[in-house]
Amino acid sequence: MALTASTMLPIGTKAPDFNLPEVVSGKGTSLSTFADKKALLVMFICRHCPFVKHIQKELVQLGKDYFTSDLAIVAISANDAKNYPDDAPESLQAFATEQGFNFTLCYDESQETAKAYTAACTPDFFVFDDQRQLVYRGQLDDSRPSNGKPVTGADLRAAIEAVLTGKPITGEQKPSVGCNIKWKPGNQPSYFG
């Protein structure tokens, strides 16, 4: 595991489109799937990463808390399934079911969507407004698997609340930290390493 931080994609970046299969239903998912929502949260996660395991209850809670809101949530796993079988689509399907995710979980086999978002770690969070411009990228909160701080989702939740209420996002945006995305051999992006 290489401890990796978010690349901190520039604020105002337009959300890159994608067309990925949802692991439970198999249905194609793209930005247009969420066109009726005011805000969009894109999360890069996986099943095996200890940083994702540390926050998975909060991810489930986020899904519940915003289920009827104007926020769409899509999680994407882009890890190399050959070398990390826990992150293969079938395993991700079981993960989504076991955890009770009520948001979309997609698999990015080509890893092109992860590259388009400059996703670097799991977890990595991106919040887009109604114009699908980036307004937040960074950490869920200050908790890490070994620092003893509680998982609250405070940073991400503050950003979501701001965008849903049309207020500016204030405060420092701190990078998320976690395991690096497991790139397929020879497929590492220029920003990796």
N, C-alpha and C. Protein backbone atom coordinates (compact mmCIF):
# COMPACT_ATOMS: atom_id res chain seq x y z
N MET A 1 0.85 -1.18 0.00
CA MET A 1 0.00 0.00 0.00
C MET A 1 0.89 1.23 0.00
N ALA A 2 0.67 2.12 -0.96
CA ALA A 2 1.38 3.39 -0.98
C ALA A 2 0.43 4.47 -0.52
N LEU A 3 0.76 5.14 0.58
CA LEU A 3 -0.07 6.23 1.09
C LEU A 3 -0.05 7.35 0.07
N THR A 4 -1.23 7.71 -0.42
CA THR A 4 -1.35 8.65 -1.53
C THR A 4 -2.40 9.70 -1.19
N ALA A 5 -2.15 10.94 -1.61
CA ALA A 5 -3.09 12.04 -1.40
C ALA A 5 -3.79 12.39 -2.71
N SER A 6 -4.93 13.06 -2.59
CA SER A 6 -5.66 13.56 -3.76
C SER A 6 -4.78 14.47 -4.59
N THR A 7 -5.06 14.54 -5.88
CA THR A 7 -4.33 15.45 -6.76
C THR A 7 -4.85 16.88 -6.65
N MET A 8 -6.03 17.06 -6.06
CA MET A 8 -6.65 18.37 -5.89
C MET A 8 -6.89 19.05 -7.25
N LEU A 9 -7.70 18.39 -8.06
CA LEU A 9 -8.15 18.91 -9.36
C LEU A 9 -8.62 20.36 -9.17
N PRO A 10 -8.32 21.27 -10.11
CA PRO A 10 -8.69 22.68 -9.92
C PRO A 10 -10.20 22.90 -9.76
N ILE A 11 -10.55 23.74 -8.79
CA ILE A 11 -11.94 24.14 -8.59
C ILE A 11 -12.45 24.76 -9.89
N GLY A 12 -13.69 24.46 -10.25
CA GLY A 12 -14.29 24.97 -11.47
C GLY A 12 -14.18 24.02 -12.65
N THR A 13 -13.39 22.95 -12.51
CA THR A 13 -13.26 21.95 -13.57
C THR A 13 -14.63 21.33 -13.86
N LYS A 14 -14.96 21.19 -15.13
CA LYS A 14 -16.21 20.52 -15.51
C LYS A 14 -16.08 19.02 -15.24
N ALA A 15 -17.16 18.42 -14.75
CA ALA A 15 -17.15 16.97 -14.49
C ALA A 15 -16.94 16.22 -15.79
N PRO A 16 -15.90 15.40 -15.87
CA PRO A 16 -15.72 14.58 -17.07
C PRO A 16 -16.86 13.56 -17.18
N ASP A 17 -17.36 13.39 -18.38
CA ASP A 17 -18.42 12.39 -18.57
C ASP A 17 -17.81 10.99 -18.54
N PHE A 18 -18.66 10.02 -18.35
CA PHE A 18 -18.23 8.62 -18.31
C PHE A 18 -19.40 7.76 -18.70
N ASN A 19 -19.13 6.52 -19.02
CA ASN A 19 -20.18 5.55 -19.28
C ASN A 19 -19.68 4.23 -18.72
N LEU A 20 -20.16 3.92 -17.52
CA LEU A 20 -19.65 2.76 -16.78
C LEU A 20 -20.80 1.86 -16.35
N PRO A 21 -20.55 0.56 -16.24
CA PRO A 21 -21.60 -0.34 -15.75
C PRO A 21 -21.74 -0.25 -14.23
N GLU A 22 -22.99 -0.22 -13.78
CA GLU A 22 -23.29 -0.27 -12.36
C GLU A 22 -23.17 -1.74 -11.94
N VAL A 23 -22.47 -2.01 -10.83
CA VAL A 23 -22.12 -3.40 -10.52
C VAL A 23 -23.29 -4.26 -10.05
N VAL A 24 -24.34 -3.67 -9.53
CA VAL A 24 -25.48 -4.47 -9.06
C VAL A 24 -26.44 -4.76 -10.21
N SER A 25 -26.81 -3.73 -10.94
CA SER A 25 -27.80 -3.90 -12.02
C SER A 25 -27.18 -4.17 -13.38
N GLY A 26 -25.92 -3.76 -13.57
CA GLY A 26 -25.29 -3.88 -14.87
C GLY A 26 -25.65 -2.76 -15.82
N LYS A 27 -26.53 -1.85 -15.40
CA LYS A 27 -26.97 -0.75 -16.27
C LYS A 27 -25.84 0.24 -16.48
N GLY A 28 -25.81 0.82 -17.69
CA GLY A 28 -24.85 1.87 -17.99
C GLY A 28 -25.18 3.12 -17.20
N THR A 29 -24.15 3.78 -16.72
CA THR A 29 -24.30 4.99 -15.90
C THR A 29 -23.39 6.07 -16.46
N SER A 30 -23.94 7.29 -16.59
CA SER A 30 -23.16 8.42 -17.09
C SER A 30 -23.60 9.67 -16.34
N LEU A 31 -22.99 10.81 -16.66
CA LEU A 31 -23.40 12.06 -16.01
C LEU A 31 -24.89 12.33 -16.23
N SER A 32 -25.40 12.00 -17.42
CA SER A 32 -26.81 12.27 -17.71
C SER A 32 -27.76 11.47 -16.82
N THR A 33 -27.28 10.38 -16.23
CA THR A 33 -28.09 9.58 -15.31
C THR A 33 -28.55 10.44 -14.12
N PHE A 34 -27.74 11.44 -13.79
CA PHE A 34 -27.99 12.26 -12.60
C PHE A 34 -28.39 13.69 -12.95
N ALA A 35 -28.84 13.91 -14.18
CA ALA A 35 -29.12 15.27 -14.68
C ALA A 35 -30.19 16.00 -13.88
N ASP A 36 -31.08 15.27 -13.21
CA ASP A 36 -32.17 15.92 -12.48
C ASP A 36 -31.76 16.38 -11.08
N LYS A 37 -30.54 16.15 -10.69
CA LYS A 37 -30.08 16.51 -9.34
C LYS A 37 -29.25 17.79 -9.37
N LYS A 38 -29.38 18.58 -8.31
CA LYS A 38 -28.68 19.86 -8.21
C LYS A 38 -27.18 19.69 -8.00
N ALA A 39 -26.78 18.65 -7.30
CA ALA A 39 -25.37 18.42 -6.98
C ALA A 39 -25.03 16.96 -7.22
N LEU A 40 -23.74 16.71 -7.46
CA LEU A 40 -23.26 15.36 -7.71
C LEU A 40 -22.00 15.11 -6.90
N LEU A 41 -22.01 14.02 -6.16
CA LEU A 41 -20.83 13.56 -5.44
C LEU A 41 -20.29 12.34 -6.17
N VAL A 42 -19.04 12.44 -6.60
CA VAL A 42 -18.34 11.32 -7.23
C VAL A 42 -17.28 10.85 -6.24
N MET A 43 -17.35 9.57 -5.88
CA MET A 43 -16.41 8.99 -4.91
C MET A 43 -15.64 7.86 -5.59
N PHE A 44 -14.33 7.88 -5.47
CA PHE A 44 -13.53 6.75 -5.92
C PHE A 44 -13.21 5.91 -4.69
N ILE A 45 -13.73 4.69 -4.69
CA ILE A 45 -13.58 3.79 -3.55
C ILE A 45 -13.20 2.41 -4.07
N CYS A 46 -12.99 1.48 -3.17
CA CYS A 46 -12.80 0.08 -3.53
C CYS A 46 -13.19 -0.75 -2.32
N ARG A 47 -13.07 -2.05 -2.43
CA ARG A 47 -13.48 -2.91 -1.33
C ARG A 47 -12.34 -3.22 -0.37
N HIS A 48 -11.14 -3.40 -0.87
CA HIS A 48 -10.08 -3.95 -0.02
C HIS A 48 -9.31 -2.93 0.79
N CYS A 49 -9.37 -1.66 0.45
CA CYS A 49 -8.53 -0.63 1.07
C CYS A 49 -8.90 -0.38 2.53
N PRO A 50 -7.92 -0.39 3.45
CA PRO A 50 -8.23 -0.13 4.86
C PRO A 50 -8.77 1.27 5.11
N PHE A 51 -8.42 2.23 4.27
CA PHE A 51 -8.95 3.59 4.44
C PHE A 51 -10.44 3.64 4.09
N VAL A 52 -10.84 2.88 3.07
CA VAL A 52 -12.27 2.81 2.73
C VAL A 52 -13.01 2.01 3.79
N LYS A 53 -12.44 0.90 4.24
CA LYS A 53 -13.09 0.12 5.30
C LYS A 53 -13.33 0.97 6.54
N HIS A 54 -12.38 1.85 6.83
CA HIS A 54 -12.46 2.72 8.01
C HIS A 54 -13.68 3.64 7.94
N ILE A 55 -14.09 4.05 6.74
CA ILE A 55 -15.17 5.03 6.60
C ILE A 55 -16.44 4.44 5.99
N GLN A 56 -16.49 3.14 5.73
CA GLN A 56 -17.62 2.60 4.96
C GLN A 56 -18.97 2.80 5.65
N LYS A 57 -19.01 2.80 6.98
CA LYS A 57 -20.29 3.07 7.66
C LYS A 57 -20.76 4.49 7.39
N GLU A 58 -19.82 5.43 7.33
CA GLU A 58 -20.18 6.81 7.02
C GLU A 58 -20.63 6.95 5.56
N LEU A 59 -20.05 6.18 4.65
CA LEU A 59 -20.51 6.21 3.27
C LEU A 59 -21.96 5.72 3.18
N VAL A 60 -22.26 4.66 3.91
CA VAL A 60 -23.64 4.15 3.96
C VAL A 60 -24.57 5.23 4.52
N GLN A 61 -24.12 5.89 5.60
CA GLN A 61 -24.93 6.93 6.24
C GLN A 61 -25.14 8.12 5.31
N LEU A 62 -24.11 8.51 4.58
CA LEU A 62 -24.26 9.59 3.59
C LEU A 62 -25.35 9.24 2.59
N GLY A 63 -25.31 8.01 2.10
CA GLY A 63 -26.33 7.56 1.16
C GLY A 63 -27.73 7.67 1.75
N LYS A 64 -27.88 7.28 3.00
CA LYS A 64 -29.19 7.35 3.66
C LYS A 64 -29.61 8.79 3.89
N ASP A 65 -28.68 9.60 4.39
CA ASP A 65 -29.02 10.98 4.75
C ASP A 65 -29.41 11.83 3.54
N TYR A 66 -28.83 11.54 2.39
CA TYR A 66 -29.09 12.38 1.21
C TYR A 66 -29.94 11.68 0.16
N PHE A 67 -30.52 10.54 0.51
CA PHE A 67 -31.29 9.74 -0.45
C PHE A 67 -32.43 10.52 -1.09
N THR A 68 -33.13 11.31 -0.31
CA THR A 68 -34.28 12.06 -0.84
C THR A 68 -33.91 13.52 -1.15
N SER A 69 -32.65 13.85 -1.11
CA SER A 69 -32.22 15.23 -1.35
C SER A 69 -31.95 15.46 -2.83
N ASP A 70 -31.41 16.63 -3.13
CA ASP A 70 -31.06 16.99 -4.50
C ASP A 70 -29.60 16.66 -4.82
N LEU A 71 -29.02 15.72 -4.04
CA LEU A 71 -27.66 15.25 -4.27
C LEU A 71 -27.69 13.86 -4.87
N ALA A 72 -27.00 13.69 -5.98
CA ALA A 72 -26.78 12.36 -6.55
C ALA A 72 -25.41 11.88 -6.09
N ILE A 73 -25.31 10.60 -5.82
CA ILE A 73 -24.03 10.01 -5.40
C ILE A 73 -23.69 8.85 -6.32
N VAL A 74 -22.47 8.87 -6.83
CA VAL A 74 -21.97 7.74 -7.60
C VAL A 74 -20.59 7.39 -7.08
N ALA A 75 -20.40 6.12 -6.78
CA ALA A 75 -19.09 5.61 -6.37
C ALA A 75 -18.51 4.84 -7.54
N ILE A 76 -17.20 4.96 -7.70
CA ILE A 76 -16.51 4.29 -8.81
C ILE A 76 -15.29 3.56 -8.25
N SER A 77 -15.14 2.32 -8.65
CA SER A 77 -13.93 1.57 -8.31
C SER A 77 -13.16 1.35 -9.61
N ALA A 78 -11.87 1.69 -9.57
CA ALA A 78 -11.06 1.59 -10.79
C ALA A 78 -9.86 0.68 -10.61
N ASN A 79 -9.80 -0.04 -9.51
CA ASN A 79 -8.62 -0.87 -9.24
C ASN A 79 -8.49 -2.03 -10.23
N ASP A 80 -7.26 -2.43 -10.45
CA ASP A 80 -6.93 -3.58 -11.29
C ASP A 80 -7.50 -4.85 -10.66
N ALA A 81 -8.57 -5.38 -11.25
CA ALA A 81 -9.25 -6.54 -10.66
C ALA A 81 -8.43 -7.82 -10.78
N LYS A 82 -7.55 -7.88 -11.76
CA LYS A 82 -6.73 -9.09 -11.92
C LYS A 82 -5.81 -9.28 -10.72
N ASN A 83 -5.17 -8.21 -10.30
CA ASN A 83 -4.24 -8.28 -9.18
C ASN A 83 -4.89 -8.00 -7.83
N TYR A 84 -6.12 -7.47 -7.85
CA TYR A 84 -6.86 -7.16 -6.61
C TYR A 84 -8.28 -7.69 -6.77
N PRO A 85 -8.47 -9.02 -6.69
CA PRO A 85 -9.77 -9.62 -6.97
C PRO A 85 -10.90 -9.15 -6.04
N ASP A 86 -10.57 -8.63 -4.86
CA ASP A 86 -11.62 -8.06 -3.99
C ASP A 86 -12.30 -6.87 -4.66
N ASP A 87 -11.63 -6.29 -5.63
CA ASP A 87 -12.17 -5.11 -6.31
C ASP A 87 -12.72 -5.43 -7.70
N ALA A 88 -12.92 -6.70 -7.99
CA ALA A 88 -13.55 -7.12 -9.24
C ALA A 88 -15.05 -6.84 -9.16
N PRO A 89 -15.73 -6.67 -10.30
CA PRO A 89 -17.15 -6.33 -10.29
C PRO A 89 -18.03 -7.26 -9.44
N GLU A 90 -17.79 -8.57 -9.50
CA GLU A 90 -18.63 -9.51 -8.73
C GLU A 90 -18.45 -9.27 -7.22
N SER A 91 -17.23 -9.02 -6.81
CA SER A 91 -16.95 -8.74 -5.41
C SER A 91 -17.53 -7.39 -5.00
N LEU A 92 -17.44 -6.41 -5.89
CA LEU A 92 -18.02 -5.09 -5.61
C LEU A 92 -19.54 -5.18 -5.49
N GLN A 93 -20.15 -6.04 -6.30
CA GLN A 93 -21.59 -6.24 -6.22
C GLN A 93 -21.96 -6.77 -4.83
N ALA A 94 -21.21 -7.76 -4.35
CA ALA A 94 -21.46 -8.30 -3.01
C ALA A 94 -21.22 -7.23 -1.94
N PHE A 95 -20.18 -6.44 -2.11
CA PHE A 95 -19.84 -5.35 -1.19
C PHE A 95 -20.99 -4.36 -1.09
N ALA A 96 -21.52 -3.93 -2.24
CA ALA A 96 -22.63 -2.96 -2.26
C ALA A 96 -23.85 -3.53 -1.55
N THR A 97 -24.12 -4.81 -1.78
CA THR A 97 -25.28 -5.46 -1.16
C THR A 97 -25.08 -5.63 0.34
N GLU A 98 -23.91 -6.12 0.74
CA GLU A 98 -23.61 -6.32 2.17
C GLU A 98 -23.67 -5.01 2.94
N GLN A 99 -23.15 -3.95 2.36
CA GLN A 99 -23.11 -2.65 3.05
C GLN A 99 -24.46 -1.93 2.99
N GLY A 100 -25.30 -2.32 2.06
CA GLY A 100 -26.59 -1.64 1.91
C GLY A 100 -26.46 -0.30 1.22
N PHE A 101 -25.53 -0.20 0.27
CA PHE A 101 -25.38 1.05 -0.47
C PHE A 101 -26.67 1.35 -1.21
N ASN A 102 -27.20 2.56 -1.06
CA ASN A 102 -28.38 2.95 -1.84
C ASN A 102 -27.98 3.97 -2.91
N PHE A 103 -26.69 4.01 -3.21
CA PHE A 103 -26.19 4.85 -4.29
C PHE A 103 -25.53 3.94 -5.33
N THR A 104 -25.28 4.50 -6.47
CA THR A 104 -24.71 3.77 -7.60
C THR A 104 -23.24 3.45 -7.36
N LEU A 105 -22.84 2.21 -7.62
CA LEU A 105 -21.44 1.81 -7.56
C LEU A 105 -21.07 1.23 -8.93
N CYS A 106 -20.11 1.86 -9.58
CA CYS A 106 -19.69 1.47 -10.93
C CYS A 106 -18.27 0.91 -10.91
N TYR A 107 -17.95 0.15 -11.96
CA TYR A 107 -16.60 -0.36 -12.12
C TYR A 107 -15.98 0.24 -13.38
N ASP A 108 -14.81 0.83 -13.22
CA ASP A 108 -14.07 1.49 -14.29
C ASP A 108 -12.95 0.56 -14.75
N GLU A 109 -13.28 -0.41 -15.59
CA GLU A 109 -12.31 -1.41 -16.01
C GLU A 109 -11.13 -0.81 -16.77
N SER A 110 -11.39 0.16 -17.63
CA SER A 110 -10.32 0.75 -18.43
C SER A 110 -9.46 1.72 -17.62
N GLN A 111 -9.97 2.17 -16.49
CA GLN A 111 -9.33 3.16 -15.62
C GLN A 111 -9.30 4.55 -16.25
N GLU A 112 -9.98 4.72 -17.38
CA GLU A 112 -9.98 6.02 -18.06
C GLU A 112 -10.78 7.07 -17.30
N THR A 113 -11.86 6.65 -16.62
CA THR A 113 -12.64 7.61 -15.85
C THR A 113 -11.83 8.11 -14.66
N ALA A 114 -11.15 7.21 -13.98
CA ALA A 114 -10.28 7.62 -12.86
C ALA A 114 -9.24 8.62 -13.33
N LYS A 115 -8.65 8.37 -14.49
CA LYS A 115 -7.66 9.30 -15.03
C LYS A 115 -8.29 10.65 -15.38
N ALA A 116 -9.49 10.63 -15.95
CA ALA A 116 -10.16 11.88 -16.33
C ALA A 116 -10.42 12.77 -15.11
N TYR A 117 -10.68 12.13 -13.96
CA TYR A 117 -10.91 12.87 -12.72
C TYR A 117 -9.61 13.11 -11.95
N THR A 118 -8.51 12.64 -12.45
CA THR A 118 -7.20 12.62 -11.77
C THR A 118 -7.33 12.00 -10.38
N ALA A 119 -8.18 10.98 -10.28
CA ALA A 119 -8.32 10.26 -9.01
C ALA A 119 -6.99 9.58 -8.71
N ALA A 120 -6.59 9.66 -7.45
CA ALA A 120 -5.28 9.14 -7.07
C ALA A 120 -5.35 8.10 -5.98
N CYS A 121 -6.37 8.20 -5.13
CA CYS A 121 -6.41 7.34 -3.94
C CYS A 121 -7.83 6.85 -3.67
N THR A 122 -7.91 5.88 -2.79
CA THR A 122 -9.21 5.44 -2.29
C THR A 122 -9.19 5.67 -0.78
N PRO A 123 -10.11 6.51 -0.31
CA PRO A 123 -11.18 7.20 -1.04
C PRO A 123 -10.71 8.53 -1.61
N ASP A 124 -11.39 8.98 -2.66
CA ASP A 124 -11.15 10.29 -3.27
C ASP A 124 -12.53 10.86 -3.59
N PHE A 125 -12.80 12.10 -3.16
CA PHE A 125 -14.14 12.69 -3.25
C PHE A 125 -14.15 13.95 -4.11
N PHE A 126 -15.19 14.09 -4.94
CA PHE A 126 -15.37 15.24 -5.82
C PHE A 126 -16.84 15.66 -5.75
N VAL A 127 -17.11 16.95 -5.45
CA VAL A 127 -18.48 17.47 -5.42
C VAL A 127 -18.63 18.50 -6.53
N PHE A 128 -19.69 18.32 -7.33
CA PHE A 128 -19.97 19.21 -8.46
C PHE A 128 -21.32 19.89 -8.24
N ASP A 129 -21.44 21.14 -8.72
CA ASP A 129 -22.67 21.90 -8.57
C ASP A 129 -23.65 21.59 -9.70
N ASP A 130 -24.71 22.40 -9.82
CA ASP A 130 -25.75 22.14 -10.82
C ASP A 130 -25.25 22.35 -12.25
N GLN A 131 -24.15 23.06 -12.42
CA GLN A 131 -23.53 23.21 -13.74
C GLN A 131 -22.47 22.13 -13.98
N ARG A 132 -22.35 21.25 -13.01
CA ARG A 132 -21.35 20.16 -12.99
C ARG A 132 -19.93 20.71 -13.04
N GLN A 133 -19.77 21.83 -12.30
CA GLN A 133 -18.44 22.38 -12.08
C GLN A 133 -17.98 21.97 -10.69
N LEU A 134 -16.69 21.65 -10.59
CA LEU A 134 -16.13 21.18 -9.33
C LEU A 134 -16.13 22.30 -8.28
N VAL A 135 -16.71 22.00 -7.11
CA VAL A 135 -16.72 22.97 -6.02
C VAL A 135 -15.98 22.45 -4.79
N TYR A 136 -15.77 21.13 -4.74
CA TYR A 136 -15.03 20.55 -3.60
C TYR A 136 -14.32 19.30 -4.06
N ARG A 137 -13.08 19.16 -3.60
CA ARG A 137 -12.35 17.91 -3.75
C ARG A 137 -11.45 17.83 -2.54
N GLY A 138 -11.48 16.67 -1.92
CA GLY A 138 -10.69 16.53 -0.70
C GLY A 138 -11.20 15.42 0.19
N GLN A 139 -10.93 15.61 1.47
CA GLN A 139 -11.17 14.54 2.44
C GLN A 139 -12.61 14.49 2.93
N LEU A 140 -12.97 13.33 3.45
CA LEU A 140 -14.25 13.14 4.13
C LEU A 140 -14.22 13.92 5.45
N ASP A 141 -13.15 13.70 6.21
CA ASP A 141 -12.93 14.36 7.49
C ASP A 141 -11.50 14.09 7.93
N ASP A 142 -11.17 14.45 9.16
CA ASP A 142 -9.79 14.29 9.65
C ASP A 142 -9.47 12.88 10.15
N SER A 143 -10.43 11.98 10.16
CA SER A 143 -10.20 10.64 10.70
C SER A 143 -9.38 9.79 9.73
N ARG A 144 -8.48 9.00 10.30
CA ARG A 144 -7.68 8.03 9.55
C ARG A 144 -7.69 6.73 10.36
N PRO A 145 -7.39 5.59 9.75
CA PRO A 145 -7.48 4.33 10.47
C PRO A 145 -6.68 4.27 11.78
N SER A 146 -5.62 5.04 11.90
CA SER A 146 -4.78 4.89 13.09
C SER A 146 -4.68 6.15 13.95
N ASN A 147 -5.48 7.21 13.65
CA ASN A 147 -5.29 8.43 14.43
C ASN A 147 -6.29 8.63 15.57
N GLY A 148 -7.25 7.72 15.71
CA GLY A 148 -8.17 7.79 16.85
C GLY A 148 -9.25 8.85 16.75
N LYS A 149 -9.26 9.63 15.68
CA LYS A 149 -10.30 10.66 15.51
C LYS A 149 -11.57 10.00 14.97
N PRO A 150 -12.74 10.46 15.44
CA PRO A 150 -13.98 9.84 14.99
C PRO A 150 -14.29 10.15 13.52
N VAL A 151 -14.95 9.21 12.87
CA VAL A 151 -15.41 9.41 11.49
C VAL A 151 -16.73 10.18 11.56
N THR A 152 -16.71 11.41 11.06
CA THR A 152 -17.90 12.26 11.10
C THR A 152 -18.39 12.68 9.73
N GLY A 153 -17.50 12.66 8.73
CA GLY A 153 -17.85 13.16 7.41
C GLY A 153 -17.94 14.68 7.36
N ALA A 154 -17.42 15.36 8.38
CA ALA A 154 -17.63 16.80 8.55
C ALA A 154 -17.23 17.64 7.34
N ASP A 155 -16.07 17.42 6.78
CA ASP A 155 -15.60 18.26 5.66
C ASP A 155 -16.48 18.07 4.43
N LEU A 156 -16.72 16.82 4.07
CA LEU A 156 -17.54 16.54 2.89
C LEU A 156 -18.98 16.98 3.10
N ARG A 157 -19.53 16.73 4.27
CA ARG A 157 -20.92 17.13 4.55
C ARG A 157 -21.08 18.65 4.49
N ALA A 158 -20.10 19.39 4.98
CA ALA A 158 -20.18 20.85 4.93
C ALA A 158 -20.20 21.32 3.48
N ALA A 159 -19.40 20.70 2.64
CA ALA A 159 -19.37 21.06 1.21
C ALA A 159 -20.70 20.73 0.54
N ILE A 160 -21.25 19.56 0.84
CA ILE A 160 -22.54 19.16 0.26
C ILE A 160 -23.63 20.12 0.68
N GLU A 161 -23.69 20.44 1.96
CA GLU A 161 -24.72 21.36 2.46
C GLU A 161 -24.60 22.73 1.79
N ALA A 162 -23.37 23.21 1.63
CA ALA A 162 -23.17 24.51 0.99
C ALA A 162 -23.69 24.50 -0.44
N VAL A 163 -23.33 23.48 -1.21
CA VAL A 163 -23.75 23.46 -2.61
C VAL A 163 -25.27 23.27 -2.73
N LEU A 164 -25.85 22.50 -1.84
CA LEU A 164 -27.31 22.29 -1.90
C LEU A 164 -28.09 23.55 -1.52
N THR A 165 -27.50 24.39 -0.69
CA THR A 165 -28.19 25.62 -0.25
C THR A 165 -27.71 26.86 -1.01
N GLY A 166 -26.85 26.65 -2.01
CA GLY A 166 -26.39 27.76 -2.84
C GLY A 166 -25.42 28.70 -2.16
N LYS A 167 -24.74 28.21 -1.15
CA LYS A 167 -23.77 29.04 -0.43
C LYS A 167 -22.36 28.67 -0.87
N PRO A 168 -21.42 29.61 -0.70
CA PRO A 168 -20.04 29.28 -1.05
C PRO A 168 -19.44 28.28 -0.06
N ILE A 169 -18.54 27.47 -0.56
CA ILE A 169 -17.84 26.52 0.30
C ILE A 169 -16.68 27.26 0.94
N THR A 170 -16.69 27.30 2.25
CA THR A 170 -15.66 28.03 2.98
C THR A 170 -14.68 27.08 3.62
N GLY A 171 -13.56 27.62 4.03
CA GLY A 171 -12.56 26.82 4.73
C GLY A 171 -11.61 26.12 3.77
N GLU A 172 -10.56 25.62 4.37
CA GLU A 172 -9.53 24.92 3.60
C GLU A 172 -10.05 23.58 3.11
N GLN A 173 -9.73 23.25 1.87
CA GLN A 173 -10.05 21.93 1.34
C GLN A 173 -8.79 21.08 1.44
N LYS A 174 -8.83 20.12 2.36
CA LYS A 174 -7.67 19.26 2.60
C LYS A 174 -7.75 18.03 1.72
N PRO A 175 -6.62 17.60 1.17
CA PRO A 175 -6.63 16.41 0.32
C PRO A 175 -7.09 15.17 1.08
N SER A 176 -7.80 14.30 0.38
CA SER A 176 -8.08 12.98 0.92
C SER A 176 -6.78 12.19 0.90
N VAL A 177 -6.69 11.20 1.76
CA VAL A 177 -5.51 10.35 1.83
C VAL A 177 -5.97 8.91 1.91
N GLY A 178 -5.28 8.04 1.20
CA GLY A 178 -5.62 6.62 1.26
C GLY A 178 -4.64 5.79 0.47
N CYS A 179 -5.07 4.59 0.13
CA CYS A 179 -4.26 3.72 -0.72
C CYS A 179 -4.28 4.27 -2.14
N ASN A 180 -3.18 4.13 -2.84
CA ASN A 180 -3.19 4.55 -4.24
C ASN A 180 -4.13 3.66 -5.04
N ILE A 181 -4.70 4.24 -6.09
CA ILE A 181 -5.48 3.42 -7.02
C ILE A 181 -4.53 2.39 -7.62
N LYS A 182 -5.00 1.17 -7.71
CA LYS A 182 -4.17 0.07 -8.21
C LYS A 182 -4.25 0.03 -9.73
N TRP A 183 -3.32 0.75 -10.34
CA TRP A 183 -3.29 0.85 -11.80
C TRP A 183 -2.84 -0.46 -12.41
N LYS A 184 -3.40 -0.77 -13.55
CA LYS A 184 -2.95 -1.95 -14.30
C LYS A 184 -1.50 -1.71 -14.73
N PRO A 185 -0.70 -2.76 -14.82
CA PRO A 185 0.69 -2.59 -15.23
C PRO A 185 0.78 -1.83 -16.56
N GLY A 186 1.58 -0.77 -16.55
CA GLY A 186 1.76 0.05 -17.74
C GLY A 186 0.68 1.08 -17.96
N ASN A 187 -0.34 1.14 -17.10
CA ASN A 187 -1.46 2.07 -17.28
C ASN A 187 -1.42 3.24 -16.29
N GLN A 188 -0.34 3.37 -15.56
CA GLN A 188 -0.25 4.44 -14.57
C GLN A 188 -0.29 5.81 -15.25
N PRO A 189 -1.08 6.74 -14.71
CA PRO A 189 -1.13 8.08 -15.29
C PRO A 189 0.14 8.87 -14.97
N SER A 190 0.32 9.96 -15.68
CA SER A 190 1.52 10.78 -15.49
C SER A 190 1.59 11.37 -14.07
N TYR A 191 0.43 11.58 -13.43
CA TYR A 191 0.42 12.18 -12.10
C TYR A 191 0.69 11.18 -10.98
N PHE A 192 0.82 9.90 -11.31
CA PHE A 192 1.06 8.88 -10.30
C PHE A 192 2.56 8.71 -10.05
N GLY A 193 2.90 8.64 -8.76
CA GLY A 193 4.27 8.36 -8.38
C GLY A 193 5.13 9.58 -8.38
